[in-house]
């Protein structure tokens, strides 16, 4: 039965019209790459190549000999990146496709058959290329993702510092918010320098610390052990080393951003001047935000919930040009923040969003969570959705709205205006008032507005 189904599938493949006769399929592996070209292009239409750079160039030369102009490959880990870049530089049209979209029929899973299947699907026009921004954007993306990894590793050493303090029964990190802040680092440095008097250490408290000096004195009375102090010192040194690397990474990102010019479309308030502040971290954040504002043409941080880190992620994943998406709906769909309706027989089987590993979707969801306490129209929208649908669905709905707003701002070059949502807010309040009046009449009451006292 299985052999009969395979014969039928093969016959159907032969009946399909060829849309791209000069198409090839590539199956990517860590140490070996399999390539399939049309049967009439070479005596051996399927070949394997090692993944060394000189072999990749040999693969490209063979494709040129076979008169191949377009290539399809799966996005397998990071192994596809070197070959993708070489093929693009050599003028090939490269389709990077989602592995979920090109699953082979059951019972046919080998590297040779995978590359043949990719070549067939690409030749008959059944593949859709994944979105990949320009190389300049990808360079910034690589550095931003590397910066995220550095931040995570630095956080691990903060946990090691807290563990060492716990083992000495020093409760400093429980009475101040951030042990790596001004007060925390000053006290830890003094401890590592040999100071043990809690009153002297508590004098290093910054005036903005909420905990009183007496509480900090109590938190610094503990059992100072040599082995735990050594662990604390090693962890602090490692954390500072990572902070230096993070700073260097941010500097390199800012240098790359300077190569991007302002958008060609209309833009407003695009000045790149900002007032220098004494705090170097704040100054660096302001400089980064200013660079993003210059590149995008608008200040995305004016949108409630969109912080500078969220704007960085948007730039790294999409870039400054959003016109590659035909509409705001298409952009929201690409971010997997839209319902993925499954309909059969006129019945909606499922309307859940697609499960994807999307960094930009995660960024919009984080921005949506920040709206929970926002006193803005978007904050009101989030709280209404949370009361009606629950927190998870409210996050998705608010993230979807933020994605559409960001698309509109960047494509039109208009700054965010809270007044645009005023009409919707007034309409919602009127509906709520009408609802309350109907309920009051049902119970025999009459609503009377409060008079404003002079």
Protein backbone atom coordinates (compact mmCIF):
# COMPACT_ATOMS: atom_id res chain seq x y z
CA UNK A 1 0.00 0.00 0.00
CA UNK A 2 2.82 2.40 0.87
CA UNK A 3 4.57 1.64 -2.45
CA UNK A 4 1.34 2.35 -4.32
CA UNK A 5 0.97 5.72 -2.55
CA UNK A 6 4.57 6.62 -3.45
CA UNK A 7 3.92 5.81 -7.11
CA UNK A 8 0.80 7.98 -7.10
CA UNK A 9 2.72 10.85 -5.47
CA UNK A 10 5.50 10.50 -8.05
CA UNK A 11 2.96 10.62 -10.89
CA UNK A 12 1.37 13.76 -9.42
CA UNK A 13 4.81 15.38 -9.19
CA UNK A 14 5.42 14.73 -12.87
CA UNK A 15 2.09 16.33 -13.77
CA UNK A 16 2.86 19.61 -11.94
CA UNK A 17 4.10 22.49 -14.15
CA UNK A 18 7.71 23.59 -13.66
CA UNK A 19 7.79 27.27 -12.63
CA UNK A 20 11.53 27.52 -11.99
CA UNK A 21 13.51 25.26 -14.34
CA UNK A 22 16.87 26.54 -13.05
CA UNK A 23 16.23 25.62 -9.40
CA UNK A 24 18.36 23.56 -7.04
CA UNK A 25 17.74 22.14 -3.57
CA UNK A 26 20.31 21.97 -0.78
CA UNK A 27 20.17 19.93 2.42
CA UNK A 28 22.42 21.53 5.04
CA UNK A 29 24.36 19.55 7.61
CA UNK A 30 27.10 20.29 10.12
CA UNK A 31 29.83 18.43 8.18
CA UNK A 32 28.23 17.57 4.82
CA UNK A 33 25.96 19.30 2.32
CA UNK A 34 23.80 17.51 -0.28
CA UNK A 35 22.81 19.34 -3.46
CA UNK A 36 20.24 18.33 -6.09
CA UNK A 37 19.90 19.91 -9.54
CA UNK A 38 17.52 19.02 -12.42
CA UNK A 39 18.17 15.63 -13.97
CA UNK A 40 19.18 17.03 -17.36
CA UNK A 41 21.90 19.37 -16.01
CA UNK A 42 24.57 16.84 -15.05
CA UNK A 43 25.37 13.16 -15.28
CA UNK A 44 25.43 13.11 -11.48
CA UNK A 45 22.56 15.47 -10.50
CA UNK A 46 22.98 14.83 -6.77
CA UNK A 47 26.29 15.53 -5.12
CA UNK A 48 27.65 15.93 -1.60
CA UNK A 49 30.23 18.48 -0.47
CA UNK A 50 32.09 18.97 2.82
CA UNK A 51 31.44 22.18 4.71
CA UNK A 52 34.97 23.61 4.41
CA UNK A 53 35.07 27.04 2.79
CA UNK A 54 36.98 25.91 -0.31
CA UNK A 55 34.43 23.13 -0.82
CA UNK A 56 31.59 25.66 -0.57
CA UNK A 57 33.17 27.63 -3.41
CA UNK A 58 33.52 24.39 -5.37
CA UNK A 59 29.79 23.78 -4.78
CA UNK A 60 28.99 27.24 -6.14
CA UNK A 61 31.13 26.64 -9.25
CA UNK A 62 29.28 23.39 -9.90
CA UNK A 63 25.92 25.15 -9.63
CA UNK A 64 27.08 27.70 -12.19
CA UNK A 65 28.16 24.90 -14.54
CA UNK A 66 24.66 23.44 -14.19
CA UNK A 67 23.12 26.85 -15.11
CA UNK A 68 21.37 27.16 -11.73
CA UNK A 69 19.99 30.60 -10.89
CA UNK A 70 17.88 30.00 -7.76
CA UNK A 71 18.50 27.80 -4.73
CA UNK A 72 16.32 26.60 -1.83
CA UNK A 73 17.73 25.52 1.52
CA UNK A 74 16.38 24.89 5.01
CA UNK A 75 17.23 27.15 7.94
CA UNK A 76 19.12 24.50 9.94
CA UNK A 77 20.71 26.00 13.04
CA UNK A 78 23.48 28.38 11.98
CA UNK A 79 25.05 25.96 9.49
CA UNK A 80 23.28 27.61 6.53
CA UNK A 81 24.78 31.08 7.08
CA UNK A 82 28.22 30.63 5.39
CA UNK A 83 26.78 29.04 2.24
CA UNK A 84 23.88 31.51 2.15
CA UNK A 85 26.25 34.46 2.18
CA UNK A 86 28.51 32.97 -0.50
CA UNK A 87 25.55 32.21 -2.77
CA UNK A 88 24.17 35.73 -2.34
CA UNK A 89 27.56 37.26 -3.13
CA UNK A 90 27.76 35.16 -6.30
CA UNK A 91 24.39 36.45 -7.54
CA UNK A 92 22.14 33.46 -6.83
CA UNK A 93 18.54 33.93 -5.73
CA UNK A 94 18.49 32.10 -2.40
CA UNK A 95 15.29 30.90 -0.75
CA UNK A 96 15.74 30.29 2.96
CA UNK A 97 12.67 28.22 3.87
CA UNK A 98 11.15 27.14 7.15
CA UNK A 99 11.83 23.47 7.86
CA UNK A 100 8.24 23.01 9.03
CA UNK A 101 6.94 24.04 5.62
CA UNK A 102 8.92 21.49 3.62
CA UNK A 103 8.33 18.29 5.54
CA UNK A 104 8.70 15.28 3.29
CA UNK A 105 6.05 12.61 2.86
CA UNK A 106 6.20 9.79 5.46
CA UNK A 107 8.75 7.06 4.86
CA UNK A 108 11.23 9.21 2.90
CA UNK A 109 13.79 10.76 5.23
CA UNK A 110 17.36 10.78 3.97
CA UNK A 111 19.71 13.63 3.08
CA UNK A 112 19.58 12.69 -0.60
CA UNK A 113 15.80 12.61 -0.69
CA UNK A 114 15.56 15.83 1.31
CA UNK A 115 17.60 17.80 -1.21
CA UNK A 116 15.59 16.23 -4.07
CA UNK A 117 12.35 17.17 -2.33
CA UNK A 118 13.52 20.75 -1.86
CA UNK A 119 14.56 20.95 -5.52
CA UNK A 120 11.17 19.67 -6.67
CA UNK A 121 9.12 21.97 -4.43
CA UNK A 122 11.22 24.96 -5.48
CA UNK A 123 10.99 24.13 -9.18
CA UNK A 124 7.18 23.99 -9.11
CA UNK A 125 6.89 27.22 -7.10
CA UNK A 126 5.62 25.76 -3.82
CA UNK A 127 8.23 27.35 -1.55
CA UNK A 128 8.12 30.76 0.10
CA UNK A 129 11.31 32.42 1.26
CA UNK A 130 11.62 33.47 4.88
CA UNK A 131 12.20 37.15 5.57
CA UNK A 132 15.84 38.02 6.06
CA UNK A 133 16.99 41.67 6.29
CA UNK A 134 20.05 43.11 4.61
CA UNK A 135 23.52 42.10 5.69
CA UNK A 136 24.05 45.42 7.49
CA UNK A 137 21.00 44.73 9.67
CA UNK A 138 22.15 41.16 10.26
CA UNK A 139 25.48 42.50 11.53
CA UNK A 140 23.70 44.60 14.14
CA UNK A 141 21.45 41.64 14.97
CA UNK A 142 24.45 39.38 15.61
CA UNK A 143 25.97 41.89 18.02
CA UNK A 144 22.67 42.48 19.85
CA UNK A 145 22.16 38.75 20.31
CA UNK A 146 25.74 38.43 21.52
CA UNK A 147 25.04 41.26 23.96
CA UNK A 148 22.00 39.35 25.28
CA UNK A 149 24.21 36.32 25.89
CA UNK A 150 26.73 38.47 27.77
CA UNK A 151 23.98 39.94 29.95
CA UNK A 152 22.72 36.45 30.81
CA UNK A 153 26.21 35.27 31.74
CA UNK A 154 26.77 38.40 33.83
CA UNK A 155 23.51 37.69 35.66
CA UNK A 156 24.83 34.23 36.54
CA UNK A 157 27.76 35.80 38.40
CA UNK A 158 25.36 38.10 40.26
CA UNK A 159 23.64 34.95 41.51
CA UNK A 160 27.03 33.60 42.60
CA UNK A 161 27.66 36.80 44.56
CA UNK A 162 24.28 36.53 46.25
CA UNK A 163 24.95 32.88 47.09
CA UNK A 164 28.28 33.77 48.71
CA UNK A 165 26.57 36.47 50.79
CA UNK A 166 23.85 34.02 51.86
CA UNK A 167 26.46 31.49 52.97
CA UNK A 168 28.00 34.18 55.19
CA UNK A 169 24.50 35.20 56.37
CA UNK A 170 24.93 38.72 55.00
CA UNK A 171 21.46 39.95 54.05
CA UNK A 172 22.60 42.98 52.07
CA UNK A 173 20.97 41.85 48.80
CA UNK A 174 17.66 41.43 50.61
CA UNK A 175 17.50 45.00 51.91
CA UNK A 176 18.65 46.83 48.76
CA UNK A 177 17.19 46.31 45.32
CA UNK A 178 20.39 45.91 43.31
CA UNK A 179 23.63 44.56 44.68
CA UNK A 180 25.43 45.83 41.58
CA UNK A 181 24.24 49.40 42.15
CA UNK A 182 26.22 52.22 43.70
CA UNK A 183 25.59 51.20 47.31
CA UNK A 184 25.93 47.47 46.74
CA UNK A 185 29.23 47.67 44.88
CA UNK A 186 30.69 50.17 47.38
CA UNK A 187 29.89 47.90 50.33
CA UNK A 188 31.08 44.70 48.59
CA UNK A 189 34.35 46.37 47.57
CA UNK A 190 34.88 47.53 51.15
CA UNK A 191 34.23 44.03 52.47
CA UNK A 192 36.73 42.54 50.02
CA UNK A 193 39.23 45.22 51.09
CA UNK A 194 39.05 43.93 54.68
CA UNK A 195 36.42 46.14 56.31
CA UNK A 196 34.18 44.20 58.72
CA UNK A 197 32.58 46.93 60.88
CA UNK A 198 28.90 47.05 59.84
CA UNK A 199 28.54 50.69 60.97
CA UNK A 200 31.42 51.77 58.75
CA UNK A 201 30.02 49.75 55.84
CA UNK A 202 26.54 51.21 56.33
CA UNK A 203 27.97 54.73 55.96
CA UNK A 204 28.49 53.89 52.27
CA UNK A 205 24.72 53.87 51.81
CA UNK A 206 23.44 56.14 49.03
CA UNK A 207 20.88 58.74 50.05
CA UNK A 208 18.28 57.31 47.64
CA UNK A 209 18.33 53.85 49.24
CA UNK A 210 14.97 53.19 50.90
CA UNK A 211 16.40 50.92 53.59
CA UNK A 212 17.55 52.82 56.67
CA UNK A 213 21.13 52.79 57.89
CA UNK A 214 20.10 50.73 60.94
CA UNK A 215 18.63 47.98 58.72
CA UNK A 216 21.77 47.89 56.58
CA UNK A 217 23.90 47.60 59.73
CA UNK A 218 21.89 44.56 60.81
CA UNK A 219 22.16 43.01 57.35
CA UNK A 220 25.97 43.24 57.42
CA UNK A 221 26.45 41.25 60.62
CA UNK A 222 27.46 37.75 59.55
CA UNK A 223 30.04 34.97 59.54
CA UNK A 224 32.84 36.12 57.25
CA UNK A 225 34.52 32.98 55.91
CA UNK A 226 37.64 32.97 53.75
CA UNK A 227 36.30 30.54 51.15
CA UNK A 228 33.08 32.51 50.66
CA UNK A 229 34.95 35.80 50.44
CA UNK A 230 37.13 34.26 47.72
CA UNK A 231 34.01 33.17 45.83
CA UNK A 232 32.53 36.65 46.22
CA UNK A 233 35.70 38.26 44.88
CA UNK A 234 35.93 35.90 41.89
CA UNK A 235 32.27 36.45 41.03
CA UNK A 236 32.61 40.25 41.27
CA UNK A 237 35.66 40.21 39.01
CA UNK A 238 33.84 38.06 36.46
CA UNK A 239 30.78 40.34 36.57
CA UNK A 240 32.91 43.43 35.99
CA UNK A 241 34.69 41.69 33.13
CA UNK A 242 31.35 40.98 31.47
CA UNK A 243 30.26 44.58 32.05
CA UNK A 244 33.32 45.75 30.15
CA UNK A 245 32.55 43.36 27.29
CA UNK A 246 28.93 44.55 27.24
CA UNK A 247 30.13 48.16 27.05
CA UNK A 248 32.48 47.30 24.18
CA UNK A 249 29.67 45.50 22.42
CA UNK A 250 27.35 48.50 22.80
CA UNK A 251 30.07 50.78 21.44
CA UNK A 252 30.47 48.56 18.37
CA UNK A 253 26.69 48.52 17.83
CA UNK A 254 26.57 52.32 17.96
CA UNK A 255 29.38 52.47 15.41
CA UNK A 256 27.39 50.23 13.07
CA UNK A 257 24.26 52.32 13.55
CA UNK A 258 26.13 55.43 12.44
CA UNK A 259 26.47 53.87 8.99
CA UNK A 260 22.70 53.98 8.54
CA UNK A 261 21.27 57.16 7.12
CA UNK A 262 17.90 58.63 8.06
CA UNK A 263 14.82 57.20 6.30
CA UNK A 264 13.93 58.55 2.89
CA UNK A 265 10.30 59.11 3.82
CA UNK A 266 8.87 62.00 5.84
CA UNK A 267 10.11 62.36 9.38
CA UNK A 268 9.61 64.80 12.21
CA UNK A 269 11.73 65.98 15.14
CA UNK A 270 14.77 64.13 13.91
CA UNK A 271 17.41 66.04 15.82
CA UNK A 272 20.23 63.93 17.16
CA UNK A 273 21.22 66.26 19.99
CA UNK A 274 20.80 65.21 23.59
CA UNK A 275 21.98 66.65 26.85
CA UNK A 276 24.95 64.86 28.36
CA UNK A 277 24.34 63.54 31.86
CA UNK A 278 26.90 62.57 34.48
CA UNK A 279 25.80 58.91 34.64
CA UNK A 280 27.70 57.10 31.88
CA UNK A 281 25.11 54.31 31.65
CA UNK A 282 22.28 56.79 31.19
CA UNK A 283 24.32 58.73 28.66
CA UNK A 284 25.03 55.58 26.67
CA UNK A 285 21.34 54.64 26.73
CA UNK A 286 20.38 58.12 25.54
CA UNK A 287 22.92 57.98 22.74
CA UNK A 288 21.65 54.58 21.64
CA UNK A 289 18.02 55.78 21.72
CA UNK A 290 18.99 58.87 19.72
CA UNK A 291 20.68 56.73 17.07
CA UNK A 292 17.59 54.53 16.79
CA UNK A 293 15.39 57.60 16.49
CA UNK A 294 17.56 58.93 13.70
CA UNK A 295 17.51 55.61 11.81
CA UNK A 296 13.78 54.93 12.22
CA UNK A 297 12.77 58.56 11.67
CA UNK A 298 10.48 58.44 14.71
CA UNK A 299 10.96 57.95 18.44
CA UNK A 300 9.45 54.55 19.20
CA UNK A 301 10.08 54.98 22.93
CA UNK A 302 7.19 57.48 23.02
CA UNK A 303 4.83 54.54 22.52
CA UNK A 304 3.71 53.25 25.95
CA UNK A 305 5.45 49.96 26.70
CA UNK A 306 8.16 50.35 24.05
CA UNK A 307 11.44 50.81 25.90
CA UNK A 308 14.85 51.34 24.30
CA UNK A 309 15.63 47.62 24.51
CA UNK A 310 12.40 46.74 22.68
CA UNK A 311 13.24 49.28 19.96
CA UNK A 312 16.69 47.69 19.60
CA UNK A 313 15.12 44.27 19.06
CA UNK A 314 12.71 45.68 16.46
CA UNK A 315 15.60 47.20 14.55
CA UNK A 316 17.72 44.04 14.75
CA UNK A 317 14.94 41.72 13.57
CA UNK A 318 13.38 43.88 10.83
CA UNK A 319 15.55 46.92 10.19
CA UNK A 320 14.39 50.47 9.44
CA UNK A 321 12.49 49.55 6.24
CA UNK A 322 9.01 48.18 6.95
CA UNK A 323 7.73 48.64 3.40
CA UNK A 324 8.69 45.06 2.61
CA UNK A 325 5.49 44.10 4.43
CA UNK A 326 2.47 45.04 2.33
CA UNK A 327 0.38 46.14 5.32
CA UNK A 328 0.23 46.30 9.09
CA UNK A 329 -1.81 43.10 9.05
CA UNK A 330 0.92 41.30 7.09
CA UNK A 331 3.55 42.51 9.56
CA UNK A 332 1.48 41.39 12.56
CA UNK A 333 0.94 38.02 10.88
CA UNK A 334 4.69 37.64 10.30
CA UNK A 335 5.30 38.25 14.00
CA UNK A 336 2.84 35.40 14.79
CA UNK A 337 0.63 37.69 16.87
CA UNK A 338 -2.51 37.02 14.80
CA UNK A 339 -5.03 34.20 15.23
CA UNK A 340 -4.08 31.20 13.10
CA UNK A 341 -7.59 30.13 12.13
CA UNK A 342 -8.10 26.44 11.30
CA UNK A 343 -11.44 26.02 9.51
CA UNK A 344 -12.93 22.81 8.19
CA UNK A 345 -16.49 22.32 6.98
CA UNK A 346 -17.34 25.91 7.85
CA UNK A 347 -16.40 25.33 11.49
CA UNK A 348 -13.51 27.05 13.25
CA UNK A 349 -11.44 24.25 14.74
CA UNK A 350 -8.79 26.48 16.29
CA UNK A 351 -7.88 30.17 16.35
CA UNK A 352 -4.74 30.07 18.48
CA UNK A 353 -1.63 31.97 17.46
CA UNK A 354 1.18 30.03 15.82
CA UNK A 355 3.83 28.60 18.12
CA UNK A 356 7.07 30.09 16.82
CA UNK A 357 10.42 31.10 18.28
CA UNK A 358 10.20 34.77 17.35
CA UNK A 359 12.34 37.32 19.16
CA UNK A 360 10.28 40.24 17.90
CA UNK A 361 7.03 38.61 19.08
CA UNK A 362 8.60 38.09 22.50
CA UNK A 363 9.66 41.75 22.53
CA UNK A 364 6.14 42.96 21.72
CA UNK A 365 4.71 40.69 24.43
CA UNK A 366 7.14 42.16 26.97
CA UNK A 367 6.05 45.63 25.89
CA UNK A 368 2.42 44.59 26.31
CA UNK A 369 3.07 43.39 29.87
CA UNK A 370 4.52 46.81 30.69
CA UNK A 371 1.10 48.34 29.87
CA UNK A 372 -0.53 46.81 32.95
CA UNK A 373 0.16 49.95 35.03
CA UNK A 374 0.34 52.48 32.21
CA UNK A 375 -2.08 55.41 32.60
CA UNK A 376 -2.54 55.69 28.84
CA UNK A 377 -5.15 54.62 26.32
CA UNK A 378 -3.09 51.53 25.54
CA UNK A 379 -2.92 50.75 29.24
CA UNK A 380 -6.71 50.99 29.47
CA UNK A 381 -7.02 48.70 26.45
CA UNK A 382 -4.73 46.11 28.06
CA UNK A 383 -6.65 46.13 31.32
CA UNK A 384 -9.99 45.77 29.50
CA UNK A 385 -8.66 42.79 27.54
CA UNK A 386 -7.23 41.23 30.70
CA UNK A 387 -10.57 41.54 32.49
CA UNK A 388 -12.39 40.01 29.53
CA UNK A 389 -9.93 37.38 28.23
CA UNK A 390 -7.34 36.81 30.93
CA UNK A 391 -3.70 37.82 31.08
CA UNK A 392 -2.21 35.53 28.37
CA UNK A 393 -4.71 36.51 25.68
CA UNK A 394 -4.58 40.14 26.76
CA UNK A 395 -0.80 40.12 26.26
CA UNK A 396 -1.26 38.77 22.74
CA UNK A 397 -3.99 41.30 21.89
CA UNK A 398 -1.97 44.24 23.21
CA UNK A 399 1.20 43.00 21.49
CA UNK A 400 -0.73 42.77 18.22
CA UNK A 401 -1.93 46.36 18.62
CA UNK A 402 1.60 47.56 19.42
CA UNK A 403 2.94 45.83 16.32
CA UNK A 404 0.40 47.60 14.11
CA UNK A 405 1.17 50.96 15.76
CA UNK A 406 4.92 50.53 15.23
CA UNK A 407 4.34 49.62 11.58
CA UNK A 408 2.20 52.71 11.06
CA UNK A 409 4.66 55.05 12.76
CA UNK A 410 7.69 53.83 10.82
CA UNK A 411 6.02 53.66 7.41
CA UNK A 412 4.39 57.10 7.72
CA UNK A 413 7.14 58.87 9.67
CA UNK A 414 4.62 60.28 12.17
CA UNK A 415 5.37 60.55 15.86
CA UNK A 416 3.15 58.74 18.33
CA UNK A 417 0.13 60.85 19.33
CA UNK A 418 -1.94 59.79 22.33
CA UNK A 419 -4.78 61.99 21.08
CA UNK A 420 -5.42 59.57 18.22
CA UNK A 421 -6.88 57.12 20.76
CA UNK A 422 -9.00 59.76 22.51
CA UNK A 423 -12.05 59.15 20.32
CA UNK A 424 -11.96 55.42 21.03
CA UNK A 425 -11.58 56.12 24.75
CA UNK A 426 -14.57 58.48 24.76
CA UNK A 427 -16.64 55.96 22.80
CA UNK A 428 -15.75 53.23 25.31
CA UNK A 429 -16.71 55.45 28.25
CA UNK A 430 -20.05 56.26 26.61
CA UNK A 431 -20.79 52.58 26.11
CA UNK A 432 -19.90 51.87 29.72
CA UNK A 433 -22.18 54.69 30.88
CA UNK A 434 -25.08 53.38 28.78
CA UNK A 435 -24.51 49.93 30.21
CA UNK A 436 -24.62 51.26 33.78
CA UNK A 437 -27.81 53.21 33.06
CA UNK A 438 -29.53 50.10 31.70
CA UNK A 439 -28.54 48.12 34.78
CA UNK A 440 -29.74 50.92 37.07
CA UNK A 441 -33.14 51.05 35.34
CA UNK A 442 -33.44 47.27 35.62
CA UNK A 443 -33.09 47.57 39.40
CA UNK A 444 -35.32 50.66 39.65
CA UNK A 445 -32.58 53.23 40.15
CA UNK A 446 -31.56 56.36 38.30
CA UNK A 447 -27.97 57.46 37.73
CA UNK A 448 -27.18 61.07 38.60
CA UNK A 449 -23.82 62.63 37.61
CA UNK A 450 -21.75 64.23 40.34
CA UNK A 451 -21.77 68.03 40.27
CA UNK A 452 -18.40 69.76 40.11
CA UNK A 453 -17.94 71.97 43.18
CA UNK A 454 -16.47 75.42 42.59
